[in-house]
N, C-alpha and C. Protein backbone atom coordinates (compact mmCIF):
# COMPACT_ATOMS: atom_id res chain seq x y z
N MET A 1 -15.53 -72.80 -39.54
CA MET A 1 -16.44 -72.47 -41.30
C MET A 1 -14.99 -71.45 -41.44
N HIS A 2 -14.83 -72.15 -42.80
CA HIS A 2 -13.44 -71.37 -43.20
C HIS A 2 -14.03 -69.69 -44.35
N THR A 3 -12.95 -69.50 -44.00
CA THR A 3 -13.36 -67.68 -44.43
C THR A 3 -12.74 -67.87 -46.41
N VAL A 4 -13.35 -67.25 -46.95
CA VAL A 4 -13.19 -67.28 -48.39
C VAL A 4 -13.13 -66.01 -48.85
N LYS A 5 -11.75 -65.07 -49.49
CA LYS A 5 -11.94 -63.71 -49.93
C LYS A 5 -11.74 -63.63 -51.34
N VAL A 6 -12.06 -62.65 -52.21
CA VAL A 6 -11.65 -62.02 -53.37
C VAL A 6 -11.34 -60.74 -52.83
N LEU A 7 -10.38 -60.55 -53.37
CA LEU A 7 -9.59 -59.28 -53.48
C LEU A 7 -9.82 -58.33 -54.48
N GLY A 8 -9.98 -57.41 -54.52
CA GLY A 8 -9.85 -56.47 -55.67
C GLY A 8 -10.83 -55.51 -56.01
N PRO A 9 -10.56 -54.52 -56.76
CA PRO A 9 -11.85 -52.97 -56.32
C PRO A 9 -12.60 -53.23 -57.47
N GLY A 10 -13.61 -54.58 -57.43
CA GLY A 10 -14.38 -54.40 -58.29
C GLY A 10 -15.09 -54.58 -59.88
N CYS A 11 -13.90 -54.42 -60.10
CA CYS A 11 -13.60 -54.89 -61.64
C CYS A 11 -14.14 -55.87 -61.96
N ARG A 12 -14.43 -56.41 -64.16
CA ARG A 12 -14.73 -57.38 -64.21
C ARG A 12 -13.95 -58.59 -64.37
N ASN A 13 -13.18 -58.74 -64.02
CA ASN A 13 -12.42 -59.82 -63.92
C ASN A 13 -12.53 -60.18 -62.05
N CYS A 14 -12.50 -59.36 -61.30
CA CYS A 14 -12.64 -59.55 -59.88
C CYS A 14 -14.46 -60.26 -59.63
N GLU A 15 -15.17 -59.90 -60.10
CA GLU A 15 -16.47 -60.19 -60.68
C GLU A 15 -16.22 -61.57 -61.01
N ARG A 16 -15.69 -61.97 -61.77
CA ARG A 16 -15.60 -63.45 -62.67
C ARG A 16 -15.14 -64.38 -61.47
N LEU A 17 -14.07 -63.56 -60.74
CA LEU A 17 -13.67 -64.64 -59.96
C LEU A 17 -14.83 -64.77 -58.61
N THR A 18 -15.21 -63.85 -58.29
CA THR A 18 -16.45 -64.21 -56.97
C THR A 18 -17.16 -65.44 -57.76
N ALA A 19 -17.60 -65.18 -59.17
CA ALA A 19 -18.48 -65.76 -59.60
C ALA A 19 -18.18 -67.68 -59.30
N VAL A 20 -16.83 -67.79 -60.38
CA VAL A 20 -16.62 -68.97 -60.73
C VAL A 20 -15.95 -69.94 -59.14
N THR A 21 -15.34 -69.29 -57.94
CA THR A 21 -15.12 -69.24 -56.75
C THR A 21 -16.79 -69.56 -55.84
N GLU A 22 -17.44 -68.53 -56.03
CA GLU A 22 -19.29 -69.59 -55.49
C GLU A 22 -19.51 -70.58 -56.21
N GLN A 23 -19.63 -70.78 -57.40
CA GLN A 23 -19.78 -71.94 -58.35
C GLN A 23 -19.05 -73.17 -57.87
N ALA A 24 -17.49 -72.96 -57.59
CA ALA A 24 -17.17 -73.87 -57.05
C ALA A 24 -17.60 -74.64 -55.78
N LEU A 25 -17.40 -73.58 -55.30
CA LEU A 25 -17.89 -73.58 -53.16
C LEU A 25 -19.38 -74.76 -53.50
N THR A 26 -19.99 -74.10 -54.25
CA THR A 26 -21.39 -75.18 -54.48
C THR A 26 -21.11 -76.68 -54.98
N GLU A 27 -20.38 -76.62 -55.89
CA GLU A 27 -20.50 -77.88 -56.56
C GLU A 27 -19.61 -78.72 -55.72
N LEU A 28 -18.82 -78.08 -55.19
CA LEU A 28 -18.27 -78.97 -53.93
C LEU A 28 -19.05 -79.11 -52.58
N GLY A 29 -19.91 -78.57 -52.46
CA GLY A 29 -20.97 -78.44 -51.44
C GLY A 29 -20.63 -78.15 -50.28
N ARG A 30 -20.00 -77.10 -50.19
CA ARG A 30 -19.34 -76.17 -49.24
C ARG A 30 -20.31 -75.45 -48.87
N THR A 31 -20.26 -74.47 -47.51
CA THR A 31 -21.53 -73.24 -47.45
C THR A 31 -20.45 -72.20 -46.86
N GLU A 32 -19.53 -72.01 -47.24
CA GLU A 32 -18.93 -70.84 -47.51
C GLU A 32 -19.43 -69.67 -47.94
N GLN A 33 -19.23 -68.40 -47.72
CA GLN A 33 -19.28 -67.36 -48.43
C GLN A 33 -18.33 -66.59 -48.91
N VAL A 34 -18.32 -66.05 -49.88
CA VAL A 34 -17.64 -64.96 -50.59
C VAL A 34 -17.85 -63.73 -50.17
N GLU A 35 -16.22 -63.38 -49.69
CA GLU A 35 -16.50 -61.94 -48.85
C GLU A 35 -15.44 -60.92 -50.75
N LYS A 36 -15.84 -60.18 -50.43
CA LYS A 36 -15.53 -59.02 -51.33
C LYS A 36 -14.54 -58.03 -50.27
N ILE A 37 -13.11 -58.22 -50.68
CA ILE A 37 -12.37 -56.93 -50.17
C ILE A 37 -12.00 -55.94 -51.61
N THR A 38 -12.67 -55.02 -51.24
CA THR A 38 -12.31 -53.40 -52.20
C THR A 38 -11.41 -52.69 -51.47
N ASP A 39 -10.89 -52.83 -50.75
CA ASP A 39 -9.93 -51.40 -50.03
C ASP A 39 -8.60 -51.75 -50.19
N PRO A 40 -7.83 -51.02 -51.02
CA PRO A 40 -6.49 -50.99 -51.85
C PRO A 40 -5.73 -50.92 -49.79
N VAL A 41 -5.70 -50.69 -48.81
CA VAL A 41 -4.95 -50.35 -48.45
C VAL A 41 -4.97 -51.72 -47.72
N ALA A 42 -6.71 -52.66 -47.33
CA ALA A 42 -6.56 -54.24 -47.10
C ALA A 42 -5.99 -54.93 -48.19
N ILE A 43 -6.22 -54.65 -49.39
CA ILE A 43 -5.65 -55.53 -50.46
C ILE A 43 -4.05 -56.21 -50.30
N VAL A 44 -3.62 -54.95 -50.17
CA VAL A 44 -2.16 -54.43 -50.24
C VAL A 44 -1.20 -54.74 -48.43
N GLY A 45 -2.26 -55.16 -47.93
CA GLY A 45 -2.07 -55.58 -46.54
C GLY A 45 -1.94 -57.02 -46.73
N TYR A 46 -2.46 -57.78 -47.80
CA TYR A 46 -2.05 -59.36 -48.03
C TYR A 46 -0.85 -59.45 -48.67
N GLY A 47 -0.27 -58.17 -49.33
CA GLY A 47 0.82 -58.83 -49.92
C GLY A 47 0.42 -58.61 -51.56
N VAL A 48 -0.76 -58.54 -52.23
CA VAL A 48 -1.54 -58.29 -53.10
C VAL A 48 -1.26 -57.08 -54.42
N TYR A 49 -0.73 -57.36 -55.13
CA TYR A 49 -0.21 -55.70 -55.87
C TYR A 49 -0.45 -55.88 -56.94
N ALA A 50 -1.31 -57.05 -57.61
CA ALA A 50 -2.39 -57.78 -58.64
C ALA A 50 -3.56 -58.46 -58.42
N THR A 51 -4.64 -57.87 -58.58
CA THR A 51 -5.53 -58.16 -58.82
C THR A 51 -6.06 -59.03 -59.83
N PRO A 52 -7.02 -60.03 -59.98
CA PRO A 52 -8.14 -60.37 -58.73
C PRO A 52 -7.08 -61.16 -58.08
N ALA A 53 -7.22 -61.81 -56.41
CA ALA A 53 -6.57 -62.71 -56.19
C ALA A 53 -8.18 -63.28 -54.57
N LEU A 54 -7.22 -64.09 -54.76
CA LEU A 54 -8.16 -65.81 -54.44
C LEU A 54 -7.60 -65.74 -52.64
N VAL A 55 -8.33 -65.16 -51.38
CA VAL A 55 -7.53 -66.19 -50.09
C VAL A 55 -8.50 -66.60 -49.42
N VAL A 56 -8.01 -67.58 -48.83
CA VAL A 56 -8.68 -68.43 -47.94
C VAL A 56 -7.90 -68.87 -46.92
N ASP A 57 -8.73 -68.42 -45.59
CA ASP A 57 -8.20 -68.30 -44.28
C ASP A 57 -7.06 -67.96 -44.23
N ASP A 58 -7.44 -66.79 -44.99
CA ASP A 58 -5.56 -65.52 -45.03
C ASP A 58 -4.77 -66.11 -45.69
N GLU A 59 -4.97 -66.47 -46.53
CA GLU A 59 -3.78 -67.33 -46.95
C GLU A 59 -3.58 -67.27 -48.63
N VAL A 60 -2.79 -65.90 -48.77
CA VAL A 60 -3.25 -66.07 -50.29
C VAL A 60 -2.88 -67.36 -51.30
N LEU A 61 -4.28 -67.79 -52.04
CA LEU A 61 -3.78 -68.95 -52.82
C LEU A 61 -3.49 -68.53 -54.82
N ILE A 62 -4.35 -67.68 -55.01
CA ILE A 62 -4.44 -67.02 -56.32
C ILE A 62 -4.36 -65.61 -56.27
N ARG A 63 -3.24 -65.02 -57.48
CA ARG A 63 -3.14 -63.98 -57.45
C ARG A 63 -3.21 -63.47 -58.97
N ALA A 64 -3.53 -62.75 -59.05
CA ALA A 64 -3.69 -61.69 -60.88
C ALA A 64 -4.02 -62.76 -62.12
N ARG A 65 -5.49 -63.68 -61.60
CA ARG A 65 -5.81 -64.81 -62.40
C ARG A 65 -7.04 -65.27 -62.19
N ILE A 66 -7.68 -65.79 -62.99
CA ILE A 66 -8.54 -66.49 -62.85
C ILE A 66 -8.91 -67.50 -63.46
N PRO A 67 -8.60 -68.77 -62.40
CA PRO A 67 -8.28 -70.12 -63.02
C PRO A 67 -10.12 -70.87 -63.60
N ALA A 68 -9.62 -71.99 -63.67
CA ALA A 68 -10.34 -72.39 -64.61
C ALA A 68 -11.52 -73.12 -63.44
N LEU A 69 -12.93 -73.12 -63.97
CA LEU A 69 -13.85 -74.33 -62.18
C LEU A 69 -12.73 -75.67 -62.39
N THR A 70 -12.48 -76.06 -63.38
CA THR A 70 -11.77 -77.19 -62.83
C THR A 70 -10.65 -77.34 -61.42
N SER A 71 -10.03 -76.11 -61.67
CA SER A 71 -8.69 -76.03 -61.49
C SER A 71 -8.53 -75.55 -60.16
N LEU A 72 -9.78 -74.51 -60.09
CA LEU A 72 -10.54 -73.94 -58.81
C LEU A 72 -10.80 -74.76 -57.86
N LYS A 73 -11.81 -75.89 -58.23
CA LYS A 73 -12.03 -76.98 -57.34
C LYS A 73 -11.20 -77.91 -56.43
N GLU A 74 -10.09 -78.35 -57.60
CA GLU A 74 -8.89 -78.74 -56.77
C GLU A 74 -8.60 -77.89 -55.91
N ILE A 75 -8.49 -76.70 -56.16
CA ILE A 75 -7.64 -75.95 -55.17
C ILE A 75 -8.13 -75.76 -53.79
N LEU A 76 -9.20 -75.40 -53.58
CA LEU A 76 -10.04 -75.10 -53.22
C LEU A 76 -10.51 -76.30 -51.85
N GLY A 77 -10.91 -77.62 -52.86
CA GLY A 77 -11.18 -79.07 -52.82
C GLY A 77 -10.14 -79.47 -51.49
N GLU A 78 -8.60 -79.47 -51.79
CA GLU A 78 -7.26 -79.52 -50.69
C GLU A 78 -7.53 -78.62 -50.68
N ARG A 79 -7.32 -77.32 -50.40
CA ARG A 79 -7.03 -76.44 -49.15
C ARG A 79 -8.20 -76.65 -47.92
N LEU A 80 -9.45 -76.65 -48.38
CA LEU A 80 -10.68 -76.60 -47.52
C LEU A 80 -10.67 -78.21 -46.54
N ALA A 81 -10.26 -79.23 -47.13
CA ALA A 81 -10.29 -80.44 -46.72
C ALA A 81 -9.13 -80.96 -45.82
N SER A 82 -8.07 -79.49 -46.32
CA SER A 82 -6.57 -80.46 -45.24
C SER A 82 -6.67 -79.21 -44.32
N LYS A 83 -7.52 -78.15 -43.67
CA LYS A 83 -7.50 -77.49 -42.59
C LYS A 83 -9.53 -77.56 -41.64
N VAL A 84 -9.09 -77.90 -40.65
CA VAL A 84 -10.63 -78.07 -39.91
C VAL A 84 -10.44 -75.88 -40.38
N GLY A 85 -11.97 -76.16 -40.37
CA GLY A 85 -12.25 -73.82 -40.28
C GLY A 85 -13.12 -73.94 -39.16
């Protein structure tokens, strides 16, 4: 199973990225759960200084933006298919 995390303090944009990520995973037929990371020290530990950010398998894929659903499905589809989780 892959790990999917949204990094951010819990702001509106963080919640929007979480929602669109969950929708993309559902539409891709994936069962991964989205973990929310709100601890500032943990967020900076990923090298992220602008949120929201999306992390899959400990790799930061998106920083400081909320992609459209179709773009996010492409990103996640490629990433989740390219590695065994």
